[in-house]
Amino acid sequence: MIRLMLVDDHAVLRDGLKNILGLEEDIEVVGEAVSGDDAISATEILLPDVILMDINIPGKSGIEVTGIIKKAYPSVKVLMLTMFDHDEYFMAAIREGADGYLLKDAPSQNVVDAIRSVAKGHSVIHPSMTKKFLSFELLREEPEPVNKNSILTEREKEVLLCLVQGMNNKEIAKSLFISDKTVKIHVSKIFKKLEVKSRSQVVIYAVQNQLVPLG
């Protein structure tokens, strides 16, 4: 059972989501929050598996709250559900550790599927979205002082490329002819070496620092 918390200050939207999610046997809404501070306090008490987080909420923004929660509770998955499709919001959310980014005009089934996806440790960023948002122009910043690609093994580089291509663990295992357990070990080591918190972040880091070829 996926324990879900809703963070949004619009009661109508929360009620609508609860009605939709109430039809799913594997998802349970265990709590709600209407502001940034409420979300932080509720997370401490409930420790949900997934948080469906709006950006524009009273007090601390959903992006700021995401960073606080992910730092304190790394295992809690945060899926942004927002009306903002601006690049800067997307990038800020992912950098704060968001495990996915979805727009509010997405079909309800997409929201349900995204919740299940991030609960399993996957990213909801589709490869086609990666190409749209993660362009070098969008990601251009000061260069990293250390080329962390050099600390990855050849196998880890292969796994990293698969992650950027949007593969899940089973797909990576099949592609590289290794076990699911081995994939998990490699992914964990990549996260630690690149100092990232989620698959979304590892995609951004890899593209930003040209660790993998695009195209």
Protein backbone atom coordinates (compact mmCIF):
# COMPACT_ATOMS: atom_id res chain seq x y z
CA MET A 1 0.00 0.00 0.00
CA ILE A 2 1.35 3.43 -0.99
CA ARG A 3 0.83 5.95 1.81
CA LEU A 4 0.22 9.32 0.15
CA MET A 5 0.05 12.86 1.51
CA LEU A 6 -1.53 15.75 -0.41
CA VAL A 7 -0.07 19.25 -0.15
CA ASP A 8 -2.28 21.87 -1.80
CA ASP A 9 -4.22 24.86 -0.46
CA HIS A 10 -7.19 24.30 -2.78
CA ALA A 11 -9.78 22.13 -1.02
CA VAL A 12 -11.64 21.38 -4.26
CA LEU A 13 -8.50 19.95 -5.85
CA ARG A 14 -7.64 17.90 -2.77
CA ASP A 15 -11.17 16.50 -2.62
CA GLY A 16 -11.05 15.66 -6.31
CA LEU A 17 -7.74 13.87 -5.93
CA LYS A 18 -9.02 11.93 -2.90
CA ASN A 19 -12.05 10.80 -4.89
CA ILE A 20 -9.85 9.63 -7.76
CA LEU A 21 -7.26 7.95 -5.58
CA GLY A 22 -9.93 6.36 -3.41
CA LEU A 23 -10.68 4.06 -6.34
CA GLU A 24 -7.14 2.69 -6.31
CA GLU A 25 -6.61 -0.34 -4.08
CA ASP A 26 -2.87 0.25 -3.66
CA ILE A 27 -2.95 3.96 -2.72
CA GLU A 28 -4.15 5.43 0.59
CA VAL A 29 -4.34 9.16 1.33
CA VAL A 30 -3.05 9.34 4.89
CA GLY A 31 -2.89 13.10 5.31
CA GLU A 32 -3.26 16.58 3.87
CA ALA A 33 -1.49 19.91 4.28
CA VAL A 34 -2.40 23.39 3.06
CA SER A 35 0.84 25.30 3.70
CA GLY A 36 4.57 24.80 3.73
CA ASP A 37 4.87 24.60 7.50
CA ASP A 38 1.88 22.23 7.69
CA ALA A 39 3.54 19.97 5.13
CA ILE A 40 6.80 19.78 7.10
CA SER A 41 5.00 19.05 10.39
CA ALA A 42 2.70 16.46 8.81
CA THR A 43 5.62 14.69 7.15
CA GLU A 44 7.39 14.37 10.50
CA ILE A 45 4.30 12.76 12.03
CA LEU A 46 3.04 10.64 9.12
CA LEU A 47 6.21 9.75 7.20
CA PRO A 48 4.26 9.07 3.98
CA ASP A 49 5.74 7.08 1.11
CA VAL A 50 4.87 9.78 -1.44
CA ILE A 51 3.94 13.46 -1.18
CA LEU A 52 1.94 15.08 -3.97
CA MET A 53 3.26 18.64 -3.69
CA ASP A 54 1.95 21.89 -5.16
CA ILE A 55 4.43 24.73 -5.68
CA ASN A 56 2.25 27.74 -4.92
CA ILE A 57 1.22 27.22 -1.30
CA PRO A 58 1.07 29.67 1.65
CA GLY A 59 4.29 30.27 3.56
CA LYS A 60 7.26 28.33 2.27
CA SER A 61 6.88 27.36 -1.37
CA GLY A 62 6.47 23.74 -2.39
CA ILE A 63 9.97 23.83 -3.83
CA GLU A 64 11.50 25.07 -0.56
CA VAL A 65 9.50 22.53 1.42
CA THR A 66 10.66 19.76 -0.89
CA GLY A 67 14.29 20.58 -0.13
CA ILE A 68 13.65 20.57 3.62
CA ILE A 69 11.74 17.28 3.55
CA LYS A 70 14.20 15.48 1.27
CA LYS A 71 17.10 16.51 3.48
CA ALA A 72 15.38 15.31 6.65
CA TYR A 73 13.61 12.27 5.18
CA PRO A 74 15.44 11.09 2.03
CA SER A 75 13.22 8.02 1.66
CA VAL A 76 10.06 10.12 1.26
CA LYS A 77 9.29 10.60 -2.44
CA VAL A 78 8.05 14.00 -3.59
CA LEU A 79 6.03 14.37 -6.78
CA MET A 80 5.37 17.95 -7.83
CA LEU A 81 1.86 18.56 -9.16
CA THR A 82 1.61 22.13 -10.39
CA MET A 83 0.22 24.44 -13.02
CA PHE A 84 3.67 25.97 -13.62
CA ASP A 85 5.39 24.67 -16.74
CA HIS A 86 8.24 27.20 -16.53
CA ASP A 87 11.75 25.85 -16.89
CA GLU A 88 13.02 27.62 -13.78
CA TYR A 89 10.39 26.02 -11.54
CA PHE A 90 11.08 22.60 -12.99
CA MET A 91 14.82 22.93 -12.53
CA ALA A 92 14.53 24.33 -9.00
CA ALA A 93 12.20 21.52 -7.92
CA ILE A 94 14.47 18.80 -9.27
CA ARG A 95 17.54 20.38 -7.71
CA GLU A 96 15.79 20.36 -4.33
CA GLY A 97 15.30 16.62 -4.69
CA ALA A 98 11.84 16.25 -6.27
CA ASP A 99 11.35 12.76 -7.67
CA GLY A 100 9.02 13.91 -10.42
CA TYR A 101 7.28 16.89 -11.94
CA LEU A 102 3.72 16.76 -13.31
CA LEU A 103 1.35 19.45 -14.53
CA LYS A 104 -2.18 19.78 -13.16
CA ASP A 105 -3.72 19.43 -16.60
CA ALA A 106 -2.36 15.88 -16.83
CA PRO A 107 -5.00 13.13 -17.14
CA SER A 108 -5.95 11.62 -13.79
CA GLN A 109 -4.56 8.23 -14.79
CA ASN A 110 -1.19 9.85 -15.45
CA VAL A 111 -1.19 11.19 -11.89
CA VAL A 112 -2.00 7.75 -10.51
CA ASP A 113 0.70 6.11 -12.62
CA ALA A 114 3.23 8.78 -11.58
CA ILE A 115 2.51 8.16 -7.89
CA ARG A 116 3.17 4.45 -8.36
CA SER A 117 6.30 5.19 -10.37
CA VAL A 118 7.98 7.45 -7.81
CA ALA A 119 6.93 5.10 -4.99
CA LYS A 120 9.03 2.43 -6.70
CA GLY A 121 12.00 4.76 -6.88
CA HIS A 122 11.55 5.73 -10.52
CA SER A 123 11.40 9.18 -12.08
CA VAL A 124 8.30 10.40 -13.89
CA ILE A 125 10.38 12.46 -16.30
CA HIS A 126 9.89 10.84 -19.68
CA PRO A 127 12.87 10.79 -22.07
CA SER A 128 11.03 13.15 -24.42
CA MET A 129 10.65 15.65 -21.54
CA THR A 130 14.31 15.24 -20.77
CA LYS A 131 15.21 16.47 -24.25
CA LYS A 132 12.75 19.38 -23.95
CA PHE A 133 13.78 20.65 -20.54
CA LEU A 134 17.33 19.47 -20.07
CA SER A 135 18.96 21.30 -22.94
CA PHE A 136 22.46 22.59 -22.47
CA GLU A 137 21.23 26.16 -22.81
CA LEU A 138 18.78 25.62 -19.94
CA LEU A 139 21.32 23.87 -17.73
CA ARG A 140 24.33 26.05 -18.40
CA GLU A 141 26.04 27.03 -15.16
CA GLU A 142 29.55 27.38 -13.83
CA PRO A 143 31.55 24.26 -14.74
CA GLU A 144 32.15 21.67 -12.05
CA PRO A 145 35.63 21.94 -10.55
CA VAL A 146 35.94 18.14 -10.54
CA ASN A 147 34.97 15.79 -13.35
CA LYS A 148 33.03 13.23 -11.36
CA ASN A 149 32.68 11.08 -14.46
CA SER A 150 36.26 10.02 -13.77
CA ILE A 151 35.24 8.38 -10.49
CA LEU A 152 32.59 6.20 -12.12
CA THR A 153 33.50 2.70 -13.25
CA GLU A 154 32.80 1.68 -16.84
CA ARG A 155 29.80 -0.34 -15.71
CA GLU A 156 28.47 2.60 -13.68
CA LYS A 157 28.77 4.79 -16.78
CA GLU A 158 26.69 2.24 -18.70
CA VAL A 159 24.06 2.24 -15.96
CA LEU A 160 24.10 6.04 -15.88
CA LEU A 161 23.39 6.20 -19.61
CA CYS A 162 20.44 3.85 -19.11
CA LEU A 163 19.10 6.10 -16.33
CA VAL A 164 19.29 9.14 -18.61
CA GLN A 165 17.41 7.18 -21.26
CA GLY A 166 14.59 6.71 -18.75
CA MET A 167 14.98 2.98 -18.11
CA ASN A 168 13.79 1.38 -14.90
CA ASN A 169 15.86 -1.20 -13.02
CA LYS A 170 14.39 -4.20 -14.82
CA GLU A 171 15.01 -2.61 -18.20
CA ILE A 172 18.59 -1.74 -17.24
CA ALA A 173 19.18 -5.30 -16.03
CA LYS A 174 17.88 -6.73 -19.30
CA SER A 175 19.87 -4.28 -21.40
CA LEU A 176 23.17 -4.92 -19.60
CA PHE A 177 22.59 -8.64 -18.89
CA ILE A 178 22.91 -8.23 -15.13
CA SER A 179 20.55 -8.89 -12.21
CA ASP A 180 18.08 -6.41 -10.73
CA LYS A 181 20.01 -6.56 -7.46
CA THR A 182 23.24 -5.63 -9.22
CA VAL A 183 21.51 -2.69 -10.90
CA LYS A 184 20.32 -1.41 -7.51
CA ILE A 185 23.86 -1.58 -6.18
CA HIS A 186 25.24 0.34 -9.16
CA VAL A 187 22.50 2.99 -8.94
CA SER A 188 23.18 3.48 -5.23
CA LYS A 189 26.90 3.92 -5.87
CA ILE A 190 26.23 6.40 -8.70
CA PHE A 191 23.96 8.48 -6.45
CA LYS A 192 26.62 8.53 -3.73
CA LYS A 193 29.48 9.42 -6.07
CA LEU A 194 27.56 12.16 -7.91
CA GLU A 195 25.98 13.42 -4.67
CA VAL A 196 22.40 13.32 -5.96
CA LYS A 197 19.18 12.32 -4.24
CA SER A 198 16.93 11.06 -7.04
CA ARG A 199 16.84 9.74 -10.59
CA SER A 200 15.61 13.11 -11.75
CA GLN A 201 18.67 14.76 -10.25
CA VAL A 202 21.04 12.21 -11.71
CA VAL A 203 19.62 12.87 -15.18
CA ILE A 204 20.13 16.60 -14.77
CA TYR A 205 23.65 16.16 -13.43
CA ALA A 206 24.64 13.79 -16.22
CA VAL A 207 23.33 16.06 -18.97
CA GLN A 208 24.60 19.26 -17.37
CA ASN A 209 28.12 17.91 -16.99
CA GLN A 210 28.13 16.07 -20.33
CA LEU A 211 28.70 12.70 -18.71
CA VAL A 212 26.64 10.93 -21.35
CA PRO A 213 26.03 11.52 -25.07
CA LEU A 214 22.64 12.95 -26.08
CA GLY A 215 20.98 12.06 -29.33
